C-alpha atoms as a PDB file:
ATOM      1  CA  UNK A   1    -245.384 106.380 134.613  1.00  0.00           C
ATOM      2  CA  UNK A   2    -244.966 104.662 131.253  1.00  0.00           C
ATOM      3  CA  UNK A   3    -241.791 102.657 130.922  1.00  0.00           C
ATOM      4  CA  UNK A   4    -240.187 102.782 127.487  1.00  0.00           C
ATOM      5  CA  UNK A   5    -238.604  99.478 126.576  1.00  0.00           C
ATOM      6  CA  UNK A   6    -235.833  99.342 124.001  1.00  0.00           C
ATOM      7  CA  UNK A   7    -236.429  96.095 122.145  1.00  0.00           C
ATOM      8  CA  UNK A   8    -232.747  95.876 121.241  1.00  0.00           C
ATOM      9  CA  UNK A   9    -231.631  95.782 124.848  1.00  0.00           C
ATOM     10  CA  UNK A  10    -234.416  93.814 126.454  1.00  0.00           C
ATOM     11  CA  UNK A  11    -236.259  91.798 123.826  1.00  0.00           C
ATOM     12  CA  UNK A  12    -233.979  91.606 120.777  1.00  0.00           C
ATOM     13  CA  UNK A  13    -233.905  94.146 117.950  1.00  0.00           C
ATOM     14  CA  UNK A  14    -236.504  93.475 115.270  1.00  0.00           C
ATOM     15  CA  UNK A  15    -234.008  93.575 112.413  1.00  0.00           C
ATOM     16  CA  UNK A  16    -235.380  92.879 108.959  1.00  0.00           C
ATOM     17  CA  UNK A  17    -233.838  89.851 107.269  1.00  0.00           C
ATOM     18  CA  UNK A  18    -234.651  90.002 103.573  1.00  0.00           C
ATOM     19  CA  UNK A  19    -234.937  87.051 101.247  1.00  0.00           C
ATOM     20  CA  UNK A  20    -235.180  88.415  97.723  1.00  0.00           C
ATOM     21  CA  UNK A  21    -235.929  92.035  98.681  1.00  0.00           C
ATOM     22  CA  UNK A  22    -233.347  94.747  99.166  1.00  0.00           C
ATOM     23  CA  UNK A  23    -235.180  96.489 102.027  1.00  0.00           C
ATOM     24  CA  UNK A  24    -238.623  96.381 103.693  1.00  0.00           C
ATOM     25  CA  UNK A  25    -239.780  99.473 101.761  1.00  0.00           C
ATOM     26  CA  UNK A  26    -239.623  97.281  98.625  1.00  0.00           C
ATOM     27  CA  UNK A  27    -242.291  95.110 100.171  1.00  0.00           C
ATOM     28  CA  UNK A  28    -245.667  96.499  99.156  1.00  0.00           C
ATOM     29  CA  UNK A  29    -247.698  93.348  99.766  1.00  0.00           C
ATOM     30  CA  UNK A  30    -249.263  91.817 102.841  1.00  0.00           C
ATOM     31  CA  UNK A  31    -247.689  91.936 106.287  1.00  0.00           C
ATOM     32  CA  UNK A  32    -248.259  89.075 108.671  1.00  0.00           C
ATOM     33  CA  UNK A  33    -248.187  89.712 112.435  1.00  0.00           C
ATOM     34  CA  UNK A  34    -247.272  86.561 114.343  1.00  0.00           C
ATOM     35  CA  UNK A  35    -247.702  86.098 118.101  1.00  0.00           C
ATOM     36  CA  UNK A  36    -246.534  82.847 119.686  1.00  0.00           C
ATOM     37  CA  UNK A  37    -245.623  81.318 123.037  1.00  0.00           C
ATOM     38  CA  UNK A  38    -242.026  82.314 122.245  1.00  0.00           C
ATOM     39  CA  UNK A  39    -242.451  85.959 121.175  1.00  0.00           C
ATOM     40  CA  UNK A  40    -243.592  88.003 118.170  1.00  0.00           C
ATOM     41  CA  UNK A  41    -242.500  88.350 114.540  1.00  0.00           C
ATOM     42  CA  UNK A  42    -243.462  90.474 111.527  1.00  0.00           C
ATOM     43  CA  UNK A  43    -243.382  88.935 108.049  1.00  0.00           C
ATOM     44  CA  UNK A  44    -243.708  91.217 105.003  1.00  0.00           C
ATOM     45  CA  UNK A  45    -243.829  90.434 101.288  1.00  0.00           C
ATOM     46  CA  UNK A  46    -243.989  92.090  97.908  1.00  0.00           C
ATOM     47  CA  UNK A  47    -247.293  92.225  96.017  1.00  0.00           C
ATOM     48  CA  UNK A  48    -246.510  88.987  94.157  1.00  0.00           C
ATOM     49  CA  UNK A  49    -245.497  87.262  97.410  1.00  0.00           C
ATOM     50  CA  UNK A  50    -242.194  86.220  95.845  1.00  0.00           C
ATOM     51  CA  UNK A  51    -239.910  88.191  98.171  1.00  0.00           C
ATOM     52  CA  UNK A  52    -240.261  88.090 101.956  1.00  0.00           C
ATOM     53  CA  UNK A  53    -238.557  89.697 104.926  1.00  0.00           C
ATOM     54  CA  UNK A  54    -238.934  88.941 108.616  1.00  0.00           C
ATOM     55  CA  UNK A  55    -238.493  91.027 111.731  1.00  0.00           C
ATOM     56  CA  UNK A  56    -238.091  89.528 115.174  1.00  0.00           C
ATOM     57  CA  UNK A  57    -238.177  87.970 117.541  1.00  0.00           C
ATOM     58  CA  UNK A  58    -239.648  90.639 119.756  1.00  0.00           C
ATOM     59  CA  UNK A  59    -240.501  89.770 123.376  1.00  0.00           C
ATOM     60  CA  UNK A  60    -238.428  86.601 123.119  1.00  0.00           C
ATOM     61  CA  UNK A  61    -239.727  84.087 125.659  1.00  0.00           C
ATOM     62  CA  UNK A  62    -242.971  85.934 126.389  1.00  0.00           C
ATOM     63  CA  UNK A  63    -246.360  84.588 125.412  1.00  0.00           C
ATOM     64  CA  UNK A  64    -247.858  86.968 122.845  1.00  0.00           C
ATOM     65  CA  UNK A  65    -251.605  86.325 122.835  1.00  0.00           C
ATOM     66  CA  UNK A  66    -252.460  88.949 120.209  1.00  0.00           C
ATOM     67  CA  UNK A  67    -250.517  91.334 117.978  1.00  0.00           C
ATOM     68  CA  UNK A  68    -252.402  93.979 116.011  1.00  0.00           C
ATOM     69  CA  UNK A  69    -251.513  96.955 113.780  1.00  0.00           C
ATOM     70  CA  UNK A  70    -253.515 100.076 114.620  1.00  0.00           C
ATOM     71  CA  UNK A  71    -255.035 101.190 111.280  1.00  0.00           C
ATOM     72  CA  UNK A  72    -255.411 104.782 112.535  1.00  0.00           C
ATOM     73  CA  UNK A  73    -251.673 105.351 112.871  1.00  0.00           C
ATOM     74  CA  UNK A  74    -249.168 103.765 110.506  1.00  0.00           C
ATOM     75  CA  UNK A  75    -246.516 101.848 112.377  1.00  0.00           C
ATOM     76  CA  UNK A  76    -248.377 101.534 115.692  1.00  0.00           C
ATOM     77  CA  UNK A  77    -248.488  97.994 117.049  1.00  0.00           C
ATOM     78  CA  UNK A  78    -250.339  96.681 120.105  1.00  0.00           C
ATOM     79  CA  UNK A  79    -249.299  93.452 121.824  1.00  0.00           C
ATOM     80  CA  UNK A  80    -251.201  91.465 124.443  1.00  0.00           C
ATOM     81  CA  UNK A  81    -248.631  89.583 126.479  1.00  0.00           C
ATOM     82  CA  UNK A  82    -248.405  87.265 129.429  1.00  0.00           C
ATOM     83  CA  UNK A  83    -245.022  87.641 131.044  1.00  0.00           C
ATOM     84  CA  UNK A  84    -244.764  84.582 133.252  1.00  0.00           C
ATOM     85  CA  UNK A  85    -245.021  85.444 136.922  1.00  0.00           C
ATOM     86  CA  UNK A  86    -245.958  89.103 136.335  1.00  0.00           C
ATOM     87  CA  UNK A  87    -249.238  88.233 134.618  1.00  0.00           C
ATOM     88  CA  UNK A  88    -250.974  89.843 131.644  1.00  0.00           C
ATOM     89  CA  UNK A  89    -250.057  93.231 130.251  1.00  0.00           C
ATOM     90  CA  UNK A  90    -250.358  95.295 127.073  1.00  0.00           C
ATOM     91  CA  UNK A  91    -247.491  96.876 125.130  1.00  0.00           C
ATOM     92  CA  UNK A  92    -247.604  99.620 122.478  1.00  0.00           C
ATOM     93  CA  UNK A  93    -245.053 100.546 119.809  1.00  0.00           C
ATOM     94  CA  UNK A  94    -245.270 103.553 117.490  1.00  0.00           C
ATOM     95  CA  UNK A  95    -242.238 102.553 115.389  1.00  0.00           C
ATOM     96  CA  UNK A  96    -243.158  99.050 114.161  1.00  0.00           C
ATOM     97  CA  UNK A  97    -241.575  97.317 117.145  1.00  0.00           C
ATOM     98  CA  UNK A  98    -238.251  99.117 117.553  1.00  0.00           C
ATOM     99  CA  UNK A  99    -239.308 100.404 120.975  1.00  0.00           C
ATOM    100  CA  UNK A 100    -242.242  99.497 123.215  1.00  0.00           C
ATOM    101  CA  UNK A 101    -244.049 101.098 126.135  1.00  0.00           C
ATOM    102  CA  UNK A 102    -245.951  99.026 128.655  1.00  0.00           C
ATOM    103  CA  UNK A 103    -249.401  99.995 129.899  1.00  0.00           C
ATOM    104  CA  UNK A 104    -249.083 102.052 133.072  1.00  0.00           C
ATOM    105  CA  UNK A 105    -251.868 100.024 134.648  1.00  0.00           C
ATOM    106  CA  UNK A 106    -252.123  96.380 133.573  1.00  0.00           C
ATOM    107  CA  UNK A 107    -255.613  95.140 132.713  1.00  0.00           C
ATOM    108  CA  UNK A 108    -257.454  93.846 135.779  1.00  0.00           C
ATOM    109  CA  UNK A 109    -260.876  93.497 137.358  1.00  0.00           C
ATOM    110  CA  UNK A 110    -261.946  96.403 139.558  1.00  0.00           C
ATOM    111  CA  UNK A 111    -260.461  96.500 143.031  1.00  0.00           C
ATOM    112  CA  UNK A 112    -262.821  94.941 145.524  1.00  0.00           C
ATOM    113  CA  UNK A 113    -264.431  92.710 142.881  1.00  0.00           C
ATOM    114  CA  UNK A 114    -267.214  90.857 144.753  1.00  0.00           C
ATOM    115  CA  UNK A 115    -266.388  87.616 142.918  1.00  0.00           C
ATOM    116  CA  UNK A 116    -262.658  87.819 143.737  1.00  0.00           C
ATOM    117  CA  UNK A 117    -261.714  87.263 140.094  1.00  0.00           C
ATOM    118  CA  UNK A 118    -258.181  87.496 138.719  1.00  0.00           C
ATOM    119  CA  UNK A 119    -257.248  88.188 135.116  1.00  0.00           C
ATOM    120  CA  UNK A 120    -255.084  85.412 133.672  1.00  0.00           C
ATOM    121  CA  UNK A 121    -254.563  86.689 130.117  1.00  0.00           C
ATOM    122  CA  UNK A 122    -255.484  89.300 127.528  1.00  0.00           C
ATOM    123  CA  UNK A 123    -256.371  87.464 124.334  1.00  0.00           C
ATOM    124  CA  UNK A 124    -257.865  90.218 122.146  1.00  0.00           C
ATOM    125  CA  UNK A 125    -256.984  93.853 121.473  1.00  0.00           C
ATOM    126  CA  UNK A 126    -259.010  96.294 119.417  1.00  0.00           C
ATOM    127  CA  UNK A 127    -257.802  99.820 118.627  1.00  0.00           C
ATOM    128  CA  UNK A 128    -260.263 102.634 119.354  1.00  0.00           C
ATOM    129  CA  UNK A 129    -262.432 104.366 116.781  1.00  0.00           C
ATOM    130  CA  UNK A 130    -260.875 106.654 114.146  1.00  0.00           C
ATOM    131  CA  UNK A 131    -261.854 109.769 116.151  1.00  0.00           C
ATOM    132  CA  UNK A 132    -260.353 108.434 119.399  1.00  0.00           C
ATOM    133  CA  UNK A 133    -256.628 109.042 119.060  1.00  0.00           C
ATOM    134  CA  UNK A 134    -254.610 107.320 121.770  1.00  0.00           C
ATOM    135  CA  UNK A 135    -257.421 104.944 122.729  1.00  0.00           C
END
């Protein structure tokens, strides 16, 4: 079962704080996705990079190893996270970080792995091919 996480309640609402822009839709320039040991942020600018707005923190206190925007679906973010004692997991948002769902099965080596390996972190995420929706 996929658990839907409301970022506002659990991880802090990713409100946009504008500096020089009236709203994020005014920002038609680059967007920076930032993952840190303290959470995740989105930074967006206008084409001239004179006005910026930030959104976050999301996953405050979690280690975000990788944050990526899925180019196949506008607004879909993937986050590779290590949540302290619970280990590595992957989160997905289809609304630019307002809500998140956690992977139903965290990444791991196959059960009965002959080398008795344990996964310590997920450091890279890659969305599936254009014809593989949901992958």
